[in-house]
N, C-alpha and C. Protein backbone atom coordinates (compact mmCIF):
# COMPACT_ATOMS: atom_id res chain seq x y z
N MET A 1 17.53 1.15 -18.18
CA MET A 1 17.07 -0.21 -18.40
C MET A 1 16.47 -0.81 -17.12
N LYS A 2 17.15 -0.58 -15.99
CA LYS A 2 16.63 -1.12 -14.74
C LYS A 2 15.29 -0.50 -14.37
N MET A 3 15.11 0.77 -14.71
CA MET A 3 13.88 1.46 -14.37
C MET A 3 12.68 0.87 -15.11
N SER A 4 12.89 0.34 -16.29
CA SER A 4 11.78 -0.22 -17.06
C SER A 4 11.16 -1.42 -16.36
N ARG A 5 11.95 -2.17 -15.60
CA ARG A 5 11.41 -3.30 -14.82
C ARG A 5 10.37 -2.80 -13.83
N TYR A 6 10.70 -1.72 -13.14
CA TYR A 6 9.80 -1.18 -12.14
C TYR A 6 8.53 -0.61 -12.77
N ILE A 7 8.69 0.01 -13.92
CA ILE A 7 7.54 0.56 -14.62
C ILE A 7 6.61 -0.56 -15.07
N ILE A 8 7.17 -1.64 -15.60
CA ILE A 8 6.36 -2.78 -16.05
C ILE A 8 5.64 -3.42 -14.86
N VAL A 9 6.35 -3.63 -13.75
CA VAL A 9 5.72 -4.20 -12.56
C VAL A 9 4.62 -3.27 -12.05
N GLY A 10 4.85 -1.96 -12.06
CA GLY A 10 3.83 -1.01 -11.63
C GLY A 10 2.60 -1.04 -12.51
N ILE A 11 2.81 -1.14 -13.81
CA ILE A 11 1.67 -1.22 -14.73
C ILE A 11 0.88 -2.50 -14.49
N LEU A 12 1.58 -3.63 -14.34
CA LEU A 12 0.89 -4.89 -14.07
C LEU A 12 0.15 -4.86 -12.74
N PHE A 13 0.75 -4.23 -11.73
CA PHE A 13 0.09 -4.09 -10.43
C PHE A 13 -1.16 -3.23 -10.56
N GLY A 14 -1.08 -2.14 -11.31
CA GLY A 14 -2.22 -1.27 -11.52
C GLY A 14 -3.35 -1.98 -12.25
N ILE A 15 -3.01 -2.74 -13.29
CA ILE A 15 -4.03 -3.50 -14.02
C ILE A 15 -4.69 -4.53 -13.10
N THR A 16 -3.88 -5.20 -12.29
CA THR A 16 -4.42 -6.19 -11.35
C THR A 16 -5.36 -5.54 -10.35
N MET A 17 -4.96 -4.40 -9.80
CA MET A 17 -5.82 -3.71 -8.84
C MET A 17 -7.14 -3.27 -9.49
N TYR A 18 -7.06 -2.80 -10.70
CA TYR A 18 -8.25 -2.34 -11.41
C TYR A 18 -9.18 -3.51 -11.74
N LYS A 19 -8.62 -4.59 -12.25
CA LYS A 19 -9.43 -5.75 -12.64
C LYS A 19 -10.04 -6.48 -11.45
N THR A 20 -9.37 -6.47 -10.30
CA THR A 20 -9.92 -7.13 -9.11
C THR A 20 -10.86 -6.22 -8.33
N GLU A 21 -11.09 -5.02 -8.83
CA GLU A 21 -11.95 -4.02 -8.22
C GLU A 21 -11.44 -3.55 -6.87
N ALA A 22 -10.13 -3.66 -6.64
CA ALA A 22 -9.55 -3.18 -5.39
C ALA A 22 -9.56 -1.66 -5.31
N VAL A 23 -9.76 -0.99 -6.44
CA VAL A 23 -9.79 0.48 -6.46
C VAL A 23 -11.22 1.01 -6.52
N SER A 24 -12.19 0.12 -6.48
CA SER A 24 -13.58 0.53 -6.59
C SER A 24 -14.06 1.16 -5.29
N TRP A 25 -14.57 2.37 -5.39
CA TRP A 25 -15.09 3.04 -4.20
C TRP A 25 -16.24 2.23 -3.60
N PHE A 26 -17.07 1.63 -4.45
CA PHE A 26 -18.20 0.84 -3.98
C PHE A 26 -17.73 -0.36 -3.16
N ARG A 27 -16.66 -1.03 -3.63
CA ARG A 27 -16.13 -2.19 -2.89
C ARG A 27 -15.55 -1.75 -1.54
N ILE A 28 -14.89 -0.61 -1.52
CA ILE A 28 -14.33 -0.10 -0.26
C ILE A 28 -15.46 0.28 0.70
N TYR A 29 -16.51 0.89 0.16
CA TYR A 29 -17.69 1.25 0.96
C TYR A 29 -18.31 0.00 1.57
N GLU A 30 -18.45 -1.04 0.75
CA GLU A 30 -19.00 -2.31 1.25
C GLU A 30 -18.13 -2.87 2.37
N MET A 31 -16.83 -2.78 2.21
CA MET A 31 -15.93 -3.33 3.22
C MET A 31 -16.10 -2.61 4.56
N PHE A 32 -16.11 -1.28 4.52
CA PHE A 32 -16.21 -0.53 5.77
C PHE A 32 -17.58 -0.64 6.42
N HIS A 33 -18.57 -1.09 5.67
CA HIS A 33 -19.91 -1.34 6.23
C HIS A 33 -20.16 -2.83 6.48
N PHE A 34 -19.12 -3.65 6.35
CA PHE A 34 -19.18 -5.10 6.57
C PHE A 34 -20.31 -5.74 5.77
N GLN A 35 -20.45 -5.34 4.51
CA GLN A 35 -21.50 -5.86 3.66
C GLN A 35 -20.99 -6.88 2.65
N SER A 36 -19.69 -7.00 2.50
CA SER A 36 -19.13 -7.92 1.51
C SER A 36 -17.76 -8.39 1.97
N PHE A 37 -17.44 -9.60 1.57
CA PHE A 37 -16.14 -10.19 1.92
C PHE A 37 -15.09 -9.91 0.84
N HIS A 38 -15.47 -9.31 -0.27
CA HIS A 38 -14.59 -9.14 -1.42
C HIS A 38 -13.24 -8.50 -1.05
N MET A 39 -13.26 -7.33 -0.44
CA MET A 39 -12.01 -6.63 -0.11
C MET A 39 -11.25 -7.35 1.01
N TYR A 40 -11.98 -7.92 1.97
CA TYR A 40 -11.29 -8.67 3.03
C TYR A 40 -10.57 -9.87 2.43
N GLY A 41 -11.21 -10.53 1.47
CA GLY A 41 -10.57 -11.65 0.80
C GLY A 41 -9.31 -11.23 0.05
N LEU A 42 -9.38 -10.09 -0.64
CA LEU A 42 -8.20 -9.57 -1.34
C LEU A 42 -7.09 -9.25 -0.36
N LEU A 43 -7.44 -8.56 0.73
CA LEU A 43 -6.42 -8.18 1.71
C LEU A 43 -5.81 -9.39 2.40
N LEU A 44 -6.65 -10.35 2.78
CA LEU A 44 -6.13 -11.55 3.44
C LEU A 44 -5.25 -12.38 2.50
N SER A 45 -5.64 -12.47 1.24
CA SER A 45 -4.79 -13.22 0.29
C SER A 45 -3.47 -12.48 0.05
N ALA A 46 -3.50 -11.14 0.04
CA ALA A 46 -2.26 -10.36 -0.12
C ALA A 46 -1.35 -10.55 1.09
N ILE A 47 -1.94 -10.58 2.29
CA ILE A 47 -1.15 -10.80 3.50
C ILE A 47 -0.52 -12.19 3.48
N ALA A 48 -1.32 -13.20 3.13
CA ALA A 48 -0.81 -14.57 3.08
C ALA A 48 0.31 -14.70 2.04
N LEU A 49 0.11 -14.09 0.87
CA LEU A 49 1.14 -14.12 -0.16
C LEU A 49 2.40 -13.40 0.31
N GLY A 50 2.23 -12.24 0.97
CA GLY A 50 3.38 -11.49 1.48
C GLY A 50 4.18 -12.27 2.50
N ILE A 51 3.48 -12.93 3.42
CA ILE A 51 4.16 -13.75 4.42
C ILE A 51 4.93 -14.87 3.74
N GLY A 52 4.28 -15.52 2.78
CA GLY A 52 4.94 -16.61 2.07
C GLY A 52 6.17 -16.16 1.31
N VAL A 53 6.08 -15.04 0.62
CA VAL A 53 7.22 -14.53 -0.16
C VAL A 53 8.37 -14.13 0.76
N VAL A 54 8.07 -13.46 1.87
CA VAL A 54 9.13 -13.06 2.80
C VAL A 54 9.83 -14.29 3.38
N GLN A 55 9.05 -15.29 3.76
CA GLN A 55 9.66 -16.51 4.30
C GLN A 55 10.50 -17.22 3.24
N TRP A 56 10.05 -17.20 1.98
CA TRP A 56 10.79 -17.81 0.88
C TRP A 56 12.10 -17.06 0.65
N ILE A 57 12.06 -15.73 0.71
CA ILE A 57 13.28 -14.93 0.54
C ILE A 57 14.27 -15.26 1.65
N LYS A 58 13.79 -15.38 2.89
CA LYS A 58 14.69 -15.71 4.00
C LYS A 58 15.24 -17.13 3.86
N TRP A 59 14.41 -18.07 3.46
CA TRP A 59 14.81 -19.47 3.36
C TRP A 59 15.82 -19.70 2.25
N ARG A 60 15.62 -19.03 1.11
CA ARG A 60 16.49 -19.23 -0.05
C ARG A 60 17.70 -18.28 -0.07
N HIS A 61 17.74 -17.33 0.86
CA HIS A 61 18.81 -16.33 0.91
C HIS A 61 18.97 -15.66 -0.46
N LEU A 62 17.87 -15.14 -0.97
CA LEU A 62 17.87 -14.52 -2.29
C LEU A 62 18.67 -13.23 -2.30
N LYS A 63 19.14 -12.87 -3.48
CA LYS A 63 19.94 -11.67 -3.65
C LYS A 63 19.15 -10.62 -4.42
N SER A 64 19.48 -9.35 -4.18
CA SER A 64 18.84 -8.25 -4.88
C SER A 64 19.42 -8.13 -6.29
N ILE A 65 18.90 -7.19 -7.06
CA ILE A 65 19.40 -6.97 -8.43
C ILE A 65 20.88 -6.60 -8.40
N GLU A 66 21.29 -5.89 -7.32
CA GLU A 66 22.70 -5.49 -7.20
C GLU A 66 23.60 -6.64 -6.77
N GLY A 67 23.03 -7.80 -6.43
CA GLY A 67 23.84 -8.96 -6.04
C GLY A 67 24.04 -9.12 -4.55
N ARG A 68 23.46 -8.24 -3.74
CA ARG A 68 23.58 -8.36 -2.29
C ARG A 68 22.43 -9.20 -1.74
N GLU A 69 22.72 -9.95 -0.67
CA GLU A 69 21.67 -10.77 -0.07
C GLU A 69 20.61 -9.87 0.56
N ILE A 70 19.36 -10.24 0.34
CA ILE A 70 18.25 -9.48 0.90
C ILE A 70 18.10 -9.85 2.37
N THR A 71 18.22 -8.86 3.24
CA THR A 71 18.03 -9.10 4.67
C THR A 71 16.77 -8.38 5.13
N ILE A 72 15.97 -9.09 5.87
CA ILE A 72 14.72 -8.53 6.39
C ILE A 72 14.80 -8.59 7.91
N ASN A 73 14.89 -7.42 8.51
CA ASN A 73 15.01 -7.36 9.97
C ASN A 73 13.67 -7.63 10.62
N ASP A 74 13.73 -8.21 11.82
CA ASP A 74 12.50 -8.45 12.58
C ASP A 74 11.93 -7.12 13.05
N LYS A 75 10.60 -7.07 13.15
CA LYS A 75 9.93 -5.86 13.64
C LYS A 75 10.17 -5.73 15.14
N ASP A 76 10.12 -4.47 15.60
CA ASP A 76 10.22 -4.29 17.05
C ASP A 76 8.88 -4.65 17.69
N THR A 77 8.88 -4.78 18.99
CA THR A 77 7.66 -5.22 19.69
C THR A 77 6.79 -4.07 20.14
N SER A 78 7.13 -2.85 19.78
CA SER A 78 6.33 -1.68 20.14
C SER A 78 5.10 -1.62 19.22
N TRP A 79 3.93 -1.91 19.76
CA TRP A 79 2.73 -2.00 18.93
C TRP A 79 1.91 -0.72 18.94
N LYS A 80 2.15 0.19 19.86
CA LYS A 80 1.32 1.40 19.96
C LYS A 80 1.42 2.27 18.71
N ARG A 81 2.60 2.41 18.16
CA ARG A 81 2.74 3.26 16.98
C ARG A 81 2.05 2.65 15.77
N TYR A 82 1.97 1.32 15.70
CA TYR A 82 1.27 0.67 14.59
C TYR A 82 -0.24 0.89 14.71
N ILE A 83 -0.74 0.85 15.94
CA ILE A 83 -2.17 1.11 16.16
C ILE A 83 -2.49 2.56 15.79
N PHE A 84 -1.67 3.50 16.23
CA PHE A 84 -1.90 4.92 15.92
C PHE A 84 -1.78 5.18 14.42
N GLY A 85 -0.74 4.67 13.80
CA GLY A 85 -0.55 4.84 12.36
C GLY A 85 -1.66 4.18 11.56
N GLY A 86 -2.08 2.98 11.97
CA GLY A 86 -3.17 2.29 11.30
C GLY A 86 -4.48 3.04 11.43
N PHE A 87 -4.69 3.67 12.59
CA PHE A 87 -5.91 4.46 12.78
C PHE A 87 -5.93 5.66 11.82
N ILE A 88 -4.81 6.37 11.72
CA ILE A 88 -4.74 7.52 10.81
C ILE A 88 -4.90 7.07 9.36
N PHE A 89 -4.22 5.98 8.99
CA PHE A 89 -4.33 5.46 7.63
C PHE A 89 -5.77 5.04 7.32
N GLY A 90 -6.38 4.29 8.23
CA GLY A 90 -7.76 3.84 8.03
C GLY A 90 -8.75 4.98 7.97
N LEU A 91 -8.53 6.00 8.77
CA LEU A 91 -9.40 7.17 8.76
C LEU A 91 -9.32 7.88 7.40
N GLY A 92 -8.12 8.06 6.91
CA GLY A 92 -7.96 8.67 5.59
C GLY A 92 -8.55 7.82 4.49
N TRP A 93 -8.39 6.51 4.62
CA TRP A 93 -8.94 5.58 3.63
C TRP A 93 -10.46 5.63 3.63
N ALA A 94 -11.04 5.66 4.83
CA ALA A 94 -12.50 5.70 4.92
C ALA A 94 -13.06 7.03 4.42
N LEU A 95 -12.38 8.13 4.72
CA LEU A 95 -12.88 9.44 4.28
C LEU A 95 -12.72 9.66 2.78
N ALA A 96 -11.57 9.26 2.24
CA ALA A 96 -11.31 9.48 0.82
C ALA A 96 -11.86 8.35 -0.05
N GLY A 97 -12.02 7.17 0.53
CA GLY A 97 -12.45 6.02 -0.24
C GLY A 97 -11.34 5.41 -1.06
N VAL A 98 -10.11 5.79 -0.76
CA VAL A 98 -8.98 5.28 -1.52
C VAL A 98 -7.71 5.37 -0.66
N CYS A 99 -6.82 4.41 -0.83
CA CYS A 99 -5.53 4.48 -0.16
C CYS A 99 -4.46 4.85 -1.20
N PRO A 100 -3.22 5.10 -0.80
CA PRO A 100 -2.24 5.69 -1.70
C PRO A 100 -1.99 4.94 -3.02
N GLY A 101 -1.89 3.63 -3.01
CA GLY A 101 -1.62 2.89 -4.24
C GLY A 101 -2.69 3.09 -5.31
N PRO A 102 -3.95 2.87 -4.96
CA PRO A 102 -5.01 3.04 -5.95
C PRO A 102 -5.19 4.47 -6.45
N MET A 103 -4.67 5.46 -5.74
CA MET A 103 -4.78 6.84 -6.23
C MET A 103 -4.16 6.96 -7.62
N PHE A 104 -3.01 6.36 -7.81
CA PHE A 104 -2.34 6.41 -9.10
C PHE A 104 -3.11 5.61 -10.15
N VAL A 105 -3.66 4.47 -9.74
CA VAL A 105 -4.44 3.64 -10.67
C VAL A 105 -5.67 4.39 -11.14
N LEU A 106 -6.38 5.00 -10.20
CA LEU A 106 -7.59 5.74 -10.56
C LEU A 106 -7.26 6.98 -11.39
N LEU A 107 -6.18 7.64 -11.07
CA LEU A 107 -5.75 8.79 -11.87
C LEU A 107 -5.42 8.35 -13.29
N GLY A 108 -4.74 7.22 -13.41
CA GLY A 108 -4.43 6.68 -14.73
C GLY A 108 -5.65 6.18 -15.48
N SER A 109 -6.72 5.87 -14.74
CA SER A 109 -7.96 5.42 -15.37
C SER A 109 -8.82 6.58 -15.83
N GLY A 110 -8.37 7.80 -15.55
CA GLY A 110 -9.11 8.97 -16.02
C GLY A 110 -9.92 9.70 -14.97
N TYR A 111 -9.85 9.27 -13.72
CA TYR A 111 -10.57 9.95 -12.64
C TYR A 111 -9.69 11.09 -12.12
N THR A 112 -9.78 12.22 -12.79
CA THR A 112 -8.88 13.34 -12.49
C THR A 112 -9.12 13.98 -11.13
N VAL A 113 -10.27 13.71 -10.50
CA VAL A 113 -10.52 14.27 -9.18
C VAL A 113 -9.50 13.77 -8.16
N PHE A 114 -8.87 12.64 -8.45
CA PHE A 114 -7.90 12.08 -7.51
C PHE A 114 -6.59 12.86 -7.47
N ILE A 115 -6.46 13.85 -8.33
CA ILE A 115 -5.31 14.76 -8.22
C ILE A 115 -5.34 15.45 -6.86
N VAL A 116 -6.54 15.80 -6.40
CA VAL A 116 -6.69 16.46 -5.09
C VAL A 116 -6.21 15.54 -3.98
N PHE A 117 -6.63 14.28 -4.01
CA PHE A 117 -6.23 13.33 -2.97
C PHE A 117 -4.74 13.03 -3.04
N LEU A 118 -4.22 12.93 -4.26
CA LEU A 118 -2.80 12.67 -4.42
C LEU A 118 -1.97 13.83 -3.89
N LEU A 119 -2.38 15.06 -4.16
CA LEU A 119 -1.68 16.23 -3.62
C LEU A 119 -1.75 16.27 -2.10
N ALA A 120 -2.92 15.91 -1.54
CA ALA A 120 -3.06 15.87 -0.08
C ALA A 120 -2.14 14.81 0.53
N ALA A 121 -2.07 13.64 -0.10
CA ALA A 121 -1.19 12.58 0.40
C ALA A 121 0.28 12.99 0.31
N MET A 122 0.64 13.64 -0.78
CA MET A 122 2.03 14.09 -0.92
C MET A 122 2.36 15.20 0.07
N THR A 123 1.40 16.06 0.35
CA THR A 123 1.60 17.10 1.36
C THR A 123 1.81 16.48 2.73
N GLY A 124 1.00 15.47 3.06
CA GLY A 124 1.17 14.77 4.33
C GLY A 124 2.51 14.08 4.43
N THR A 125 2.96 13.48 3.35
CA THR A 125 4.27 12.82 3.33
C THR A 125 5.39 13.84 3.52
N PHE A 126 5.27 14.98 2.85
CA PHE A 126 6.27 16.03 2.99
C PHE A 126 6.29 16.56 4.43
N ALA A 127 5.09 16.77 5.02
CA ALA A 127 5.01 17.26 6.40
C ALA A 127 5.64 16.28 7.37
N TYR A 128 5.39 14.98 7.16
CA TYR A 128 6.01 13.99 8.02
C TYR A 128 7.53 14.04 7.90
N GLY A 129 8.03 14.09 6.67
CA GLY A 129 9.48 14.16 6.47
C GLY A 129 10.08 15.41 7.09
N TYR A 130 9.36 16.52 7.05
CA TYR A 130 9.86 17.78 7.60
C TYR A 130 9.93 17.72 9.12
N TRP A 131 8.89 17.17 9.77
CA TRP A 131 8.82 17.14 11.24
C TRP A 131 9.20 15.79 11.83
N ARG A 132 9.76 14.90 11.05
CA ARG A 132 10.05 13.56 11.51
C ARG A 132 10.92 13.51 12.76
N ASP A 133 11.94 14.34 12.81
CA ASP A 133 12.85 14.31 13.96
C ASP A 133 12.20 14.83 15.24
N LYS A 134 11.09 15.53 15.11
CA LYS A 134 10.39 16.05 16.30
C LYS A 134 9.25 15.14 16.76
N LEU A 135 8.92 14.12 15.98
CA LEU A 135 7.81 13.21 16.29
C LEU A 135 8.31 12.02 17.10
N PRO A 136 7.46 11.48 17.98
CA PRO A 136 7.87 10.29 18.74
C PRO A 136 7.84 9.05 17.83
N HIS A 137 8.89 8.26 17.93
CA HIS A 137 8.96 7.03 17.12
C HIS A 137 9.19 5.85 18.02
């Protein structure tokens, strides 16, 4: 029963991404060539909404489904790893034309070529998990 909540939220998120053209390769291409504000507007509104929701959770001391208070720890001040990780993520996004979330949306929309990208992303995730203890954090 609890899992159905996550499935419903995932389906609604996928529909929203598809309808707002956040999964459109053309929109992503426009963004990386600074030809349109569409994707930047989506990203900035998502960031603003995320900041607002996190602050609301902290202010109201909301509880999780299990009844425990949601605690959000402050980020550390080490910015180099975020720059490096963002560079790798952005490079993959620019080369593939898609980031991890939309891969599932596009696959569900019938674009079966994204199986290749999804397998590559899962391989990268597995490799990170395998060598995580040997990587600098």
